[in-house]
Amino acid sequence: MKADSLPLHSRTPLAWGRAVLADPIALLVDHAFLERKAAGNAMELLTRWPGDWTPGWVELMTSIARDEAAHLAQVTRMLVRRGGRMVRFHACPYAAELRALVRKGVQGELVDRLLVSALIEARSCERFSVLAEAAQQDAELSKFYKALYSSEMGHYKVFLKLAVKVAGRRDALCRWEQLLAEEARVLAGQAPGPRIHSGFFESVE
């Protein structure tokens, strides 16, 4: 796994992974909701193709939604085997703050939604890499997060490629750099806890 190749402006230390794995049930619950929301996001983007550029759009979005739904099934099976269960309400302030950065307007909104989706996938990819290494004493979780790493990497690249296709390389990458900086800021402001997109713990330098 080569998480260092991701263009993120901050890196997650191994100590974060060890800290969140102290409560694996809560982490799996949060992860399940993350996958559910990722599947829903792809389905929402399904009907937002840009202008007359439709070839492949629906197929890509349904493919991503299918992947995320499969991940959701995997997470929930693992959760149930470990004695956990889904909760009725769940919030992800990290994703909410990123989505609040989306500009309004036909093309700007679509490009930003694609870029924010790419950001969330890239950070998830990085976090799964950390979790796979930190979960060495839990072979099932370590193997699971290693497997998810490749899928999330693929989704991140697809969303970024689509944003470039929609807005053009220069405009898309300029906005991408702005949002990368914002993502690091948003993550730094998150509270610590057993969540995929939580902030760092006080003991983590």
N, C-alpha and C. Protein backbone atom coordinates (compact mmCIF):
# COMPACT_ATOMS: atom_id res chain seq x y z
N MET A 1 0.84 -1.20 0.00
CA MET A 1 0.00 0.00 0.00
C MET A 1 0.88 1.25 0.00
N LYS A 2 0.52 2.22 -0.83
CA LYS A 2 1.33 3.42 -0.98
C LYS A 2 0.51 4.66 -0.67
N ALA A 3 0.08 4.77 0.58
CA ALA A 3 -0.74 5.92 0.98
C ALA A 3 0.05 7.21 0.89
N ASP A 4 1.38 7.13 0.97
CA ASP A 4 2.20 8.35 0.89
C ASP A 4 2.07 9.03 -0.47
N SER A 5 1.59 8.30 -1.47
CA SER A 5 1.43 8.88 -2.80
C SER A 5 0.19 9.77 -2.91
N LEU A 6 -0.69 9.68 -1.94
CA LEU A 6 -1.89 10.50 -1.96
C LEU A 6 -1.52 11.97 -1.74
N PRO A 7 -2.21 12.91 -2.39
CA PRO A 7 -1.83 14.32 -2.31
C PRO A 7 -2.36 15.05 -1.07
N LEU A 8 -2.76 14.32 -0.05
CA LEU A 8 -3.32 14.94 1.16
C LEU A 8 -2.30 15.86 1.82
N HIS A 9 -2.78 16.93 2.44
CA HIS A 9 -1.90 17.92 3.05
C HIS A 9 -1.55 17.59 4.49
N SER A 10 -2.08 16.52 5.03
CA SER A 10 -1.69 16.06 6.37
C SER A 10 -1.67 14.55 6.37
N ARG A 11 -0.93 13.97 7.28
CA ARG A 11 -0.79 12.52 7.37
C ARG A 11 -1.26 12.02 8.73
N THR A 12 -1.84 10.85 8.71
CA THR A 12 -2.35 10.25 9.94
C THR A 12 -1.29 9.34 10.54
N PRO A 13 -0.91 9.58 11.79
CA PRO A 13 0.12 8.74 12.42
C PRO A 13 -0.46 7.39 12.84
N LEU A 14 0.43 6.42 12.97
CA LEU A 14 0.02 5.07 13.36
C LEU A 14 -0.66 5.08 14.73
N ALA A 15 -0.25 5.99 15.60
CA ALA A 15 -0.84 6.06 16.93
C ALA A 15 -2.34 6.34 16.87
N TRP A 16 -2.78 7.08 15.86
CA TRP A 16 -4.22 7.31 15.71
C TRP A 16 -4.92 5.97 15.48
N GLY A 17 -4.38 5.15 14.60
CA GLY A 17 -4.99 3.86 14.31
C GLY A 17 -5.10 2.98 15.55
N ARG A 18 -4.04 2.95 16.33
CA ARG A 18 -4.06 2.14 17.55
C ARG A 18 -5.10 2.66 18.53
N ALA A 19 -5.25 4.00 18.58
CA ALA A 19 -6.21 4.60 19.52
C ALA A 19 -7.65 4.27 19.13
N VAL A 20 -8.00 4.40 17.86
CA VAL A 20 -9.39 4.16 17.46
C VAL A 20 -9.74 2.68 17.50
N LEU A 21 -8.75 1.82 17.33
CA LEU A 21 -9.00 0.38 17.38
C LEU A 21 -9.23 -0.12 18.80
N ALA A 22 -9.06 0.76 19.79
CA ALA A 22 -9.37 0.38 21.16
C ALA A 22 -10.86 0.14 21.35
N ASP A 23 -11.68 0.70 20.44
CA ASP A 23 -13.13 0.49 20.48
C ASP A 23 -13.58 0.05 19.09
N PRO A 24 -13.28 -1.19 18.71
CA PRO A 24 -13.56 -1.63 17.34
C PRO A 24 -15.04 -1.64 16.98
N ILE A 25 -15.92 -1.87 17.95
CA ILE A 25 -17.36 -1.89 17.64
C ILE A 25 -17.82 -0.51 17.20
N ALA A 26 -17.46 0.52 17.95
CA ALA A 26 -17.84 1.88 17.59
C ALA A 26 -17.23 2.28 16.25
N LEU A 27 -16.00 1.84 16.01
CA LEU A 27 -15.35 2.15 14.75
C LEU A 27 -16.08 1.50 13.58
N LEU A 28 -16.51 0.25 13.76
CA LEU A 28 -17.24 -0.44 12.70
C LEU A 28 -18.61 0.18 12.45
N VAL A 29 -19.26 0.63 13.49
CA VAL A 29 -20.55 1.31 13.31
C VAL A 29 -20.36 2.57 12.47
N ASP A 30 -19.36 3.36 12.82
CA ASP A 30 -19.08 4.58 12.06
C ASP A 30 -18.73 4.23 10.62
N HIS A 31 -17.94 3.20 10.46
CA HIS A 31 -17.52 2.77 9.12
C HIS A 31 -18.73 2.34 8.28
N ALA A 32 -19.65 1.63 8.90
CA ALA A 32 -20.84 1.19 8.17
C ALA A 32 -21.62 2.39 7.63
N PHE A 33 -21.79 3.41 8.44
CA PHE A 33 -22.51 4.59 7.98
C PHE A 33 -21.73 5.32 6.89
N LEU A 34 -20.41 5.31 6.99
CA LEU A 34 -19.58 5.92 5.96
C LEU A 34 -19.85 5.25 4.60
N GLU A 35 -19.89 3.93 4.60
CA GLU A 35 -20.13 3.21 3.35
C GLU A 35 -21.55 3.45 2.84
N ARG A 36 -22.50 3.51 3.75
CA ARG A 36 -23.89 3.78 3.32
C ARG A 36 -24.00 5.15 2.67
N LYS A 37 -23.36 6.14 3.27
CA LYS A 37 -23.42 7.49 2.72
C LYS A 37 -22.66 7.58 1.40
N ALA A 38 -21.58 6.83 1.27
CA ALA A 38 -20.82 6.83 0.03
C ALA A 38 -21.65 6.24 -1.11
N ALA A 39 -22.38 5.17 -0.81
CA ALA A 39 -23.26 4.57 -1.82
C ALA A 39 -24.35 5.56 -2.21
N GLY A 40 -24.93 6.23 -1.21
CA GLY A 40 -25.97 7.22 -1.47
C GLY A 40 -25.47 8.39 -2.29
N ASN A 41 -24.23 8.82 -2.02
CA ASN A 41 -23.65 9.93 -2.77
C ASN A 41 -23.51 9.57 -4.25
N ALA A 42 -23.04 8.36 -4.53
CA ALA A 42 -22.90 7.93 -5.92
C ALA A 42 -24.26 7.87 -6.61
N MET A 43 -25.27 7.42 -5.90
CA MET A 43 -26.60 7.35 -6.49
C MET A 43 -27.17 8.75 -6.73
N GLU A 44 -26.87 9.69 -5.86
CA GLU A 44 -27.32 11.06 -6.06
C GLU A 44 -26.65 11.69 -7.28
N LEU A 45 -25.38 11.36 -7.50
CA LEU A 45 -24.65 11.89 -8.65
C LEU A 45 -25.09 11.25 -9.97
N LEU A 46 -25.80 10.14 -9.87
CA LEU A 46 -26.20 9.38 -11.04
C LEU A 46 -26.92 10.23 -12.09
N THR A 47 -27.79 11.12 -11.64
CA THR A 47 -28.60 11.92 -12.58
C THR A 47 -28.04 13.33 -12.77
N ARG A 48 -26.80 13.54 -12.38
CA ARG A 48 -26.22 14.88 -12.49
C ARG A 48 -25.12 14.94 -13.56
N TRP A 49 -25.28 14.17 -14.63
CA TRP A 49 -24.26 14.20 -15.66
C TRP A 49 -24.17 15.59 -16.27
N PRO A 50 -22.97 16.00 -16.68
CA PRO A 50 -22.74 17.37 -17.16
C PRO A 50 -23.17 17.58 -18.61
N GLY A 51 -24.18 18.38 -18.82
CA GLY A 51 -24.63 18.71 -20.17
C GLY A 51 -24.99 17.47 -20.96
N ASP A 52 -24.39 17.34 -22.13
CA ASP A 52 -24.70 16.19 -22.98
C ASP A 52 -23.64 15.10 -22.85
N TRP A 53 -22.73 15.25 -21.87
CA TRP A 53 -21.68 14.24 -21.72
C TRP A 53 -22.19 13.11 -20.83
N THR A 54 -22.83 12.13 -21.43
CA THR A 54 -23.42 11.04 -20.66
C THR A 54 -22.73 9.69 -20.81
N PRO A 55 -21.96 9.41 -21.88
CA PRO A 55 -21.40 8.07 -22.02
C PRO A 55 -20.53 7.66 -20.84
N GLY A 56 -20.88 6.56 -20.20
CA GLY A 56 -20.09 6.04 -19.11
C GLY A 56 -20.42 6.59 -17.74
N TRP A 57 -21.10 7.73 -17.68
CA TRP A 57 -21.38 8.37 -16.38
C TRP A 57 -22.24 7.48 -15.49
N VAL A 58 -23.36 7.04 -16.02
CA VAL A 58 -24.27 6.21 -15.23
C VAL A 58 -23.58 4.91 -14.82
N GLU A 59 -22.84 4.33 -15.75
CA GLU A 59 -22.15 3.07 -15.45
C GLU A 59 -21.13 3.24 -14.32
N LEU A 60 -20.38 4.36 -14.34
CA LEU A 60 -19.40 4.61 -13.30
C LEU A 60 -20.06 4.80 -11.94
N MET A 61 -21.12 5.60 -11.91
CA MET A 61 -21.77 5.87 -10.63
C MET A 61 -22.44 4.62 -10.06
N THR A 62 -23.05 3.83 -10.91
CA THR A 62 -23.68 2.60 -10.40
C THR A 62 -22.61 1.61 -9.94
N SER A 63 -21.47 1.60 -10.61
CA SER A 63 -20.38 0.72 -10.20
C SER A 63 -19.84 1.11 -8.82
N ILE A 64 -19.66 2.41 -8.61
CA ILE A 64 -19.18 2.88 -7.31
C ILE A 64 -20.21 2.58 -6.23
N ALA A 65 -21.48 2.86 -6.53
CA ALA A 65 -22.54 2.58 -5.55
C ALA A 65 -22.57 1.10 -5.20
N ARG A 66 -22.38 0.25 -6.20
CA ARG A 66 -22.37 -1.20 -5.97
C ARG A 66 -21.20 -1.59 -5.06
N ASP A 67 -20.03 -1.01 -5.32
CA ASP A 67 -18.86 -1.29 -4.48
C ASP A 67 -19.11 -0.88 -3.03
N GLU A 68 -19.66 0.34 -2.86
CA GLU A 68 -19.87 0.85 -1.51
C GLU A 68 -20.93 0.03 -0.77
N ALA A 69 -21.97 -0.39 -1.49
CA ALA A 69 -22.99 -1.23 -0.86
C ALA A 69 -22.40 -2.58 -0.44
N ALA A 70 -21.49 -3.11 -1.27
CA ALA A 70 -20.84 -4.37 -0.91
C ALA A 70 -19.97 -4.18 0.33
N HIS A 71 -19.28 -3.05 0.41
CA HIS A 71 -18.48 -2.77 1.60
C HIS A 71 -19.36 -2.65 2.84
N LEU A 72 -20.51 -2.00 2.67
CA LEU A 72 -21.46 -1.87 3.77
C LEU A 72 -21.87 -3.25 4.28
N ALA A 73 -22.16 -4.16 3.35
CA ALA A 73 -22.55 -5.51 3.75
C ALA A 73 -21.42 -6.20 4.51
N GLN A 74 -20.19 -6.01 4.05
CA GLN A 74 -19.05 -6.61 4.72
C GLN A 74 -18.87 -6.07 6.13
N VAL A 75 -18.98 -4.76 6.26
CA VAL A 75 -18.80 -4.13 7.58
C VAL A 75 -19.89 -4.58 8.54
N THR A 76 -21.13 -4.59 8.09
CA THR A 76 -22.22 -4.96 8.99
C THR A 76 -22.14 -6.43 9.41
N ARG A 77 -21.69 -7.30 8.50
CA ARG A 77 -21.51 -8.70 8.87
C ARG A 77 -20.45 -8.84 9.96
N MET A 78 -19.37 -8.10 9.80
CA MET A 78 -18.31 -8.14 10.80
C MET A 78 -18.79 -7.56 12.12
N LEU A 79 -19.56 -6.49 12.04
CA LEU A 79 -20.11 -5.86 13.24
C LEU A 79 -20.99 -6.83 14.01
N VAL A 80 -21.89 -7.52 13.32
CA VAL A 80 -22.80 -8.45 13.97
C VAL A 80 -22.04 -9.62 14.57
N ARG A 81 -21.05 -10.13 13.86
CA ARG A 81 -20.25 -11.26 14.39
C ARG A 81 -19.56 -10.89 15.68
N ARG A 82 -19.24 -9.62 15.82
CA ARG A 82 -18.52 -9.16 17.00
C ARG A 82 -19.45 -8.66 18.10
N GLY A 83 -20.74 -8.87 17.91
CA GLY A 83 -21.70 -8.51 18.94
C GLY A 83 -22.21 -7.09 18.88
N GLY A 84 -21.95 -6.39 17.80
CA GLY A 84 -22.41 -5.01 17.68
C GLY A 84 -23.68 -4.91 16.86
N ARG A 85 -24.18 -3.71 16.71
CA ARG A 85 -25.38 -3.47 15.90
C ARG A 85 -25.39 -2.02 15.44
N MET A 86 -26.11 -1.78 14.39
CA MET A 86 -26.24 -0.41 13.88
C MET A 86 -27.04 0.43 14.85
N VAL A 87 -26.83 1.73 14.80
CA VAL A 87 -27.58 2.67 15.63
C VAL A 87 -28.57 3.42 14.75
N ARG A 88 -29.50 4.09 15.38
CA ARG A 88 -30.54 4.77 14.61
C ARG A 88 -30.05 6.08 14.00
N PHE A 89 -29.23 6.82 14.74
CA PHE A 89 -28.77 8.12 14.27
C PHE A 89 -27.25 8.15 14.20
N HIS A 90 -26.76 8.87 13.21
CA HIS A 90 -25.31 8.97 13.05
C HIS A 90 -24.98 10.29 12.36
N ALA A 91 -23.92 10.94 12.81
CA ALA A 91 -23.49 12.20 12.21
C ALA A 91 -22.02 12.09 11.85
N CYS A 92 -21.64 12.74 10.76
CA CYS A 92 -20.23 12.79 10.36
C CYS A 92 -19.88 14.25 10.09
N PRO A 93 -19.45 14.97 11.13
CA PRO A 93 -19.15 16.39 10.96
C PRO A 93 -18.06 16.65 9.93
N TYR A 94 -17.13 15.73 9.79
CA TYR A 94 -16.05 15.88 8.80
C TYR A 94 -16.64 16.01 7.39
N ALA A 95 -17.46 15.05 7.00
CA ALA A 95 -18.07 15.09 5.67
C ALA A 95 -19.01 16.27 5.52
N ALA A 96 -19.74 16.59 6.58
CA ALA A 96 -20.67 17.71 6.51
C ALA A 96 -19.93 19.03 6.28
N GLU A 97 -18.80 19.21 6.94
CA GLU A 97 -18.04 20.44 6.75
C GLU A 97 -17.44 20.52 5.35
N LEU A 98 -17.02 19.40 4.82
CA LEU A 98 -16.49 19.41 3.46
C LEU A 98 -17.59 19.72 2.45
N ARG A 99 -18.75 19.12 2.64
CA ARG A 99 -19.84 19.36 1.69
C ARG A 99 -20.36 20.78 1.78
N ALA A 100 -20.16 21.44 2.91
CA ALA A 100 -20.56 22.84 3.05
C ALA A 100 -19.70 23.75 2.17
N LEU A 101 -18.56 23.25 1.70
CA LEU A 101 -17.68 24.03 0.84
C LEU A 101 -18.10 24.00 -0.62
N VAL A 102 -19.06 23.15 -0.96
CA VAL A 102 -19.50 23.02 -2.34
C VAL A 102 -20.17 24.31 -2.82
N ARG A 103 -19.70 24.82 -3.93
CA ARG A 103 -20.26 26.04 -4.51
C ARG A 103 -21.63 25.76 -5.13
N LYS A 104 -22.45 26.77 -5.16
CA LYS A 104 -23.76 26.65 -5.79
C LYS A 104 -23.66 27.04 -7.26
N GLY A 105 -24.50 26.46 -8.07
CA GLY A 105 -24.45 26.72 -9.50
C GLY A 105 -24.23 25.41 -10.24
N VAL A 106 -24.67 25.35 -11.46
CA VAL A 106 -24.72 24.08 -12.19
C VAL A 106 -23.37 23.41 -12.28
N GLN A 107 -22.38 24.04 -12.98
CA GLN A 107 -21.11 23.37 -13.18
C GLN A 107 -20.25 23.41 -11.94
N GLY A 108 -20.17 24.56 -11.26
CA GLY A 108 -19.34 24.65 -10.06
C GLY A 108 -19.76 23.67 -9.00
N GLU A 109 -21.05 23.48 -8.85
CA GLU A 109 -21.55 22.56 -7.84
C GLU A 109 -21.17 21.13 -8.19
N LEU A 110 -21.32 20.74 -9.42
CA LEU A 110 -21.00 19.38 -9.82
C LEU A 110 -19.51 19.10 -9.64
N VAL A 111 -18.67 20.03 -10.09
CA VAL A 111 -17.22 19.85 -9.95
C VAL A 111 -16.84 19.72 -8.48
N ASP A 112 -17.39 20.58 -7.64
CA ASP A 112 -17.07 20.53 -6.21
C ASP A 112 -17.56 19.25 -5.57
N ARG A 113 -18.72 18.78 -5.98
CA ARG A 113 -19.22 17.52 -5.42
C ARG A 113 -18.30 16.37 -5.80
N LEU A 114 -17.82 16.38 -7.01
CA LEU A 114 -16.89 15.33 -7.44
C LEU A 114 -15.57 15.44 -6.67
N LEU A 115 -15.08 16.65 -6.49
CA LEU A 115 -13.81 16.84 -5.80
C LEU A 115 -13.93 16.51 -4.31
N VAL A 116 -15.03 16.89 -3.68
CA VAL A 116 -15.23 16.53 -2.28
C VAL A 116 -15.35 15.02 -2.13
N SER A 117 -16.02 14.38 -3.08
CA SER A 117 -16.10 12.91 -3.06
C SER A 117 -14.71 12.31 -3.18
N ALA A 118 -13.89 12.88 -4.06
CA ALA A 118 -12.51 12.40 -4.21
C ALA A 118 -11.72 12.60 -2.92
N LEU A 119 -11.92 13.73 -2.26
CA LEU A 119 -11.22 14.00 -1.00
C LEU A 119 -11.58 12.97 0.07
N ILE A 120 -12.87 12.71 0.22
CA ILE A 120 -13.31 11.76 1.25
C ILE A 120 -12.77 10.37 0.96
N GLU A 121 -12.78 9.99 -0.32
CA GLU A 121 -12.25 8.68 -0.69
C GLU A 121 -10.74 8.62 -0.44
N ALA A 122 -10.03 9.70 -0.75
CA ALA A 122 -8.58 9.72 -0.55
C ALA A 122 -8.24 9.63 0.94
N ARG A 123 -8.96 10.37 1.76
CA ARG A 123 -8.68 10.31 3.20
C ARG A 123 -9.07 8.95 3.76
N SER A 124 -10.17 8.39 3.29
CA SER A 124 -10.56 7.05 3.74
C SER A 124 -9.48 6.04 3.36
N CYS A 125 -8.97 6.17 2.15
CA CYS A 125 -7.91 5.29 1.68
C CYS A 125 -6.70 5.37 2.61
N GLU A 126 -6.30 6.59 2.94
CA GLU A 126 -5.16 6.77 3.84
C GLU A 126 -5.43 6.19 5.21
N ARG A 127 -6.64 6.40 5.72
CA ARG A 127 -6.99 5.89 7.05
C ARG A 127 -7.03 4.36 7.06
N PHE A 128 -7.54 3.76 5.98
CA PHE A 128 -7.57 2.30 5.91
C PHE A 128 -6.16 1.72 5.91
N SER A 129 -5.24 2.42 5.26
CA SER A 129 -3.85 1.98 5.26
C SER A 129 -3.28 1.98 6.67
N VAL A 130 -3.56 3.05 7.41
CA VAL A 130 -3.10 3.16 8.80
C VAL A 130 -3.74 2.07 9.66
N LEU A 131 -5.04 1.87 9.49
CA LEU A 131 -5.75 0.86 10.28
C LEU A 131 -5.25 -0.55 9.99
N ALA A 132 -4.96 -0.83 8.73
CA ALA A 132 -4.45 -2.16 8.37
C ALA A 132 -3.14 -2.44 9.10
N GLU A 133 -2.30 -1.43 9.21
CA GLU A 133 -1.02 -1.60 9.90
C GLU A 133 -1.20 -1.65 11.41
N ALA A 134 -2.10 -0.82 11.92
CA ALA A 134 -2.30 -0.76 13.37
C ALA A 134 -3.01 -1.99 13.92
N ALA A 135 -3.76 -2.70 13.06
CA ALA A 135 -4.56 -3.84 13.51
C ALA A 135 -3.82 -5.17 13.37
N GLN A 136 -2.52 -5.14 13.56
CA GLN A 136 -1.74 -6.36 13.38
C GLN A 136 -2.17 -7.48 14.32
N GLN A 137 -2.71 -7.14 15.48
CA GLN A 137 -3.17 -8.15 16.44
C GLN A 137 -4.59 -8.63 16.14
N ASP A 138 -5.22 -8.05 15.15
CA ASP A 138 -6.57 -8.45 14.74
C ASP A 138 -6.52 -8.76 13.25
N ALA A 139 -6.20 -10.01 12.92
CA ALA A 139 -5.95 -10.40 11.53
C ALA A 139 -7.14 -10.10 10.62
N GLU A 140 -8.36 -10.29 11.13
CA GLU A 140 -9.55 -10.07 10.31
C GLU A 140 -9.66 -8.61 9.90
N LEU A 141 -9.51 -7.71 10.88
CA LEU A 141 -9.60 -6.29 10.57
C LEU A 141 -8.46 -5.83 9.68
N SER A 142 -7.26 -6.29 9.95
CA SER A 142 -6.11 -5.89 9.15
C SER A 142 -6.30 -6.29 7.69
N LYS A 143 -6.73 -7.52 7.47
CA LYS A 143 -6.97 -8.00 6.10
C LYS A 143 -8.08 -7.20 5.43
N PHE A 144 -9.12 -6.90 6.19
CA PHE A 144 -10.26 -6.16 5.66
C PHE A 144 -9.85 -4.77 5.19
N TYR A 145 -9.10 -4.06 6.03
CA TYR A 145 -8.71 -2.71 5.66
C TYR A 145 -7.69 -2.69 4.52
N LYS A 146 -6.85 -3.70 4.44
CA LYS A 146 -5.95 -3.80 3.30
C LYS A 146 -6.74 -3.96 2.00
N ALA A 147 -7.78 -4.77 2.05
CA ALA A 147 -8.60 -5.00 0.86
C ALA A 147 -9.35 -3.73 0.45
N LEU A 148 -9.82 -2.96 1.42
CA LEU A 148 -10.57 -1.75 1.11
C LEU A 148 -9.69 -0.65 0.53
N TYR A 149 -8.43 -0.68 0.90
CA TYR A 149 -7.50 0.37 0.44
C TYR A 149 -7.53 0.52 -1.08
N SER A 150 -7.41 -0.59 -1.78
CA SER A 150 -7.35 -0.54 -3.25
C SER A 150 -8.64 0.00 -3.85
N SER A 151 -9.78 -0.40 -3.28
CA SER A 151 -11.07 0.06 -3.79
C SER A 151 -11.22 1.56 -3.61
N GLU A 152 -10.87 2.06 -2.43
CA GLU A 152 -11.00 3.49 -2.17
C GLU A 152 -10.05 4.30 -3.04
N MET A 153 -8.86 3.75 -3.29
CA MET A 153 -7.91 4.42 -4.17
C MET A 153 -8.51 4.56 -5.57
N GLY A 154 -9.14 3.50 -6.04
CA GLY A 154 -9.77 3.55 -7.36
C GLY A 154 -10.88 4.57 -7.43
N HIS A 155 -11.72 4.64 -6.38
CA HIS A 155 -12.82 5.60 -6.37
C HIS A 155 -12.30 7.04 -6.36
N TYR A 156 -11.28 7.29 -5.56
CA TYR A 156 -10.69 8.63 -5.50
C TYR A 156 -10.22 9.07 -6.88
N LYS A 157 -9.54 8.18 -7.59
CA LYS A 157 -9.02 8.52 -8.92
C LYS A 157 -10.15 8.76 -9.92
N VAL A 158 -11.22 7.97 -9.81
CA VAL A 158 -12.35 8.14 -10.73
C VAL A 158 -13.01 9.50 -10.53
N PHE A 159 -13.28 9.87 -9.27
CA PHE A 159 -13.94 11.15 -9.01
C PHE A 159 -13.07 12.32 -9.47
N LEU A 160 -11.77 12.24 -9.22
CA LEU A 160 -10.87 13.32 -9.65
C LEU A 160 -10.82 13.41 -11.17
N LYS A 161 -10.74 12.28 -11.84
CA LYS A 161 -10.72 12.25 -13.30
C LYS A 161 -12.00 12.85 -13.87
N LEU A 162 -13.14 12.54 -13.26
CA LEU A 162 -14.41 13.08 -13.74
C LEU A 162 -14.46 14.59 -13.56
N ALA A 163 -13.94 15.09 -12.44
CA ALA A 163 -13.93 16.54 -12.21
C ALA A 163 -13.10 17.24 -13.28
N VAL A 164 -11.97 16.66 -13.64
CA VAL A 164 -11.13 17.22 -14.70
C VAL A 164 -11.86 17.19 -16.04
N LYS A 165 -12.58 16.12 -16.28
CA LYS A 165 -13.35 16.00 -17.52
C LYS A 165 -14.43 17.07 -17.62
N VAL A 166 -15.07 17.36 -16.50
CA VAL A 166 -16.16 18.32 -16.48
C VAL A 166 -15.66 19.76 -16.58
N ALA A 167 -14.65 20.10 -15.77
CA ALA A 167 -14.23 21.51 -15.66
C ALA A 167 -12.99 21.85 -16.48
N GLY A 168 -12.29 20.86 -16.99
CA GLY A 168 -11.01 21.13 -17.64
C GLY A 168 -9.90 20.99 -16.61
N ARG A 169 -8.73 20.59 -17.07
CA ARG A 169 -7.64 20.27 -16.15
C ARG A 169 -7.22 21.45 -15.27
N ARG A 170 -7.02 22.61 -15.87
CA ARG A 170 -6.53 23.76 -15.10
C ARG A 170 -7.50 24.16 -13.99
N ASP A 171 -8.76 24.37 -14.34
CA ASP A 171 -9.74 24.82 -13.34
C ASP A 171 -9.99 23.77 -12.27
N ALA A 172 -10.07 22.51 -12.70
CA ALA A 172 -10.35 21.45 -11.74
C ALA A 172 -9.20 21.29 -10.75
N LEU A 173 -7.97 21.30 -11.24
CA LEU A 173 -6.82 21.09 -10.35
C LEU A 173 -6.56 22.31 -9.46
N CYS A 174 -6.89 23.50 -9.96
CA CYS A 174 -6.78 24.69 -9.11
C CYS A 174 -7.75 24.58 -7.93
N ARG A 175 -8.98 24.20 -8.22
CA ARG A 175 -9.97 24.03 -7.15
C ARG A 175 -9.59 22.86 -6.24
N TRP A 176 -9.04 21.83 -6.82
CA TRP A 176 -8.59 20.66 -6.05
C TRP A 176 -7.55 21.06 -5.00
N GLU A 177 -6.61 21.89 -5.38
CA GLU A 177 -5.59 22.33 -4.42
C GLU A 177 -6.22 23.14 -3.29
N GLN A 178 -7.20 23.97 -3.62
CA GLN A 178 -7.89 24.73 -2.58
C GLN A 178 -8.59 23.80 -1.59
N LEU A 179 -9.27 22.80 -2.14
CA LEU A 179 -10.03 21.88 -1.28
C LEU A 179 -9.12 20.95 -0.49
N LEU A 180 -7.96 20.60 -1.03
CA LEU A 180 -7.00 19.80 -0.26
C LEU A 180 -6.57 20.55 1.00
N ALA A 181 -6.32 21.84 0.86
CA ALA A 181 -5.95 22.64 2.02
C ALA A 181 -7.09 22.73 3.01
N GLU A 182 -8.31 22.88 2.51
CA GLU A 182 -9.47 22.95 3.39
C GLU A 182 -9.69 21.62 4.11
N GLU A 183 -9.47 20.52 3.40
CA GLU A 183 -9.66 19.20 4.00
C GLU A 183 -8.74 19.01 5.20
N ALA A 184 -7.48 19.40 5.07
CA ALA A 184 -6.53 19.28 6.18
C ALA A 184 -6.99 20.12 7.37
N ARG A 185 -7.51 21.30 7.07
CA ARG A 185 -8.01 22.18 8.14
C ARG A 185 -9.22 21.56 8.84
N VAL A 186 -10.15 21.04 8.04
CA VAL A 186 -11.36 20.43 8.59
C VAL A 186 -10.99 19.22 9.46
N LEU A 187 -10.10 18.38 8.97
CA LEU A 187 -9.72 17.19 9.73
C LEU A 187 -9.06 17.57 11.04
N ALA A 188 -8.21 18.59 11.00
CA ALA A 188 -7.51 19.02 12.22
C ALA A 188 -8.48 19.51 13.29
N GLY A 189 -9.66 19.96 12.87
CA GLY A 189 -10.65 20.46 13.82
C GLY A 189 -11.60 19.41 14.35
N GLN A 190 -11.47 18.17 13.90
CA GLN A 190 -12.37 17.12 14.36
C GLN A 190 -12.01 16.63 15.75
N ALA A 191 -13.03 16.26 16.50
CA ALA A 191 -12.79 15.69 17.83
C ALA A 191 -12.23 14.28 17.69
N PRO A 192 -11.38 13.84 18.62
CA PRO A 192 -10.87 12.47 18.57
C PRO A 192 -11.97 11.48 18.93
N GLY A 193 -11.80 10.24 18.53
CA GLY A 193 -12.79 9.21 18.85
C GLY A 193 -12.70 8.06 17.87
N PRO A 194 -13.45 6.98 18.13
CA PRO A 194 -13.40 5.79 17.27
C PRO A 194 -14.23 5.97 16.00
N ARG A 195 -13.76 6.86 15.12
CA ARG A 195 -14.43 7.14 13.85
C ARG A 195 -13.38 7.17 12.75
N ILE A 196 -13.78 6.80 11.56
CA ILE A 196 -12.84 6.77 10.44
C ILE A 196 -12.25 8.14 10.15
N HIS A 197 -13.04 9.19 10.32
CA HIS A 197 -12.56 10.54 10.02
C HIS A 197 -12.45 11.40 11.27
N SER A 198 -12.06 10.78 12.37
CA SER A 198 -11.92 11.55 13.62
C SER A 198 -10.61 12.32 13.61
N GLY A 199 -10.52 13.26 14.57
CA GLY A 199 -9.29 14.02 14.73
C GLY A 199 -8.25 13.22 15.49
N PHE A 200 -7.11 13.83 15.64
CA PHE A 200 -6.01 13.16 16.34
C PHE A 200 -6.23 13.22 17.85
N PHE A 201 -5.63 12.30 18.56
CA PHE A 201 -5.72 12.25 20.00
C PHE A 201 -4.59 13.10 20.60
N GLU A 202 -4.79 13.55 21.86
CA GLU A 202 -3.81 14.43 22.47
C GLU A 202 -2.44 13.82 22.55
N SER A 203 -2.39 12.50 22.69
CA SER A 203 -1.10 11.83 22.83
C SER A 203 -0.38 11.67 21.49
N VAL A 204 -1.12 11.98 20.39
CA VAL A 204 -0.54 11.84 19.06
C VAL A 204 0.14 13.14 18.68
N GLU A 205 1.40 13.08 18.36
CA GLU A 205 2.12 14.28 17.97
C GLU A 205 2.12 14.44 16.46
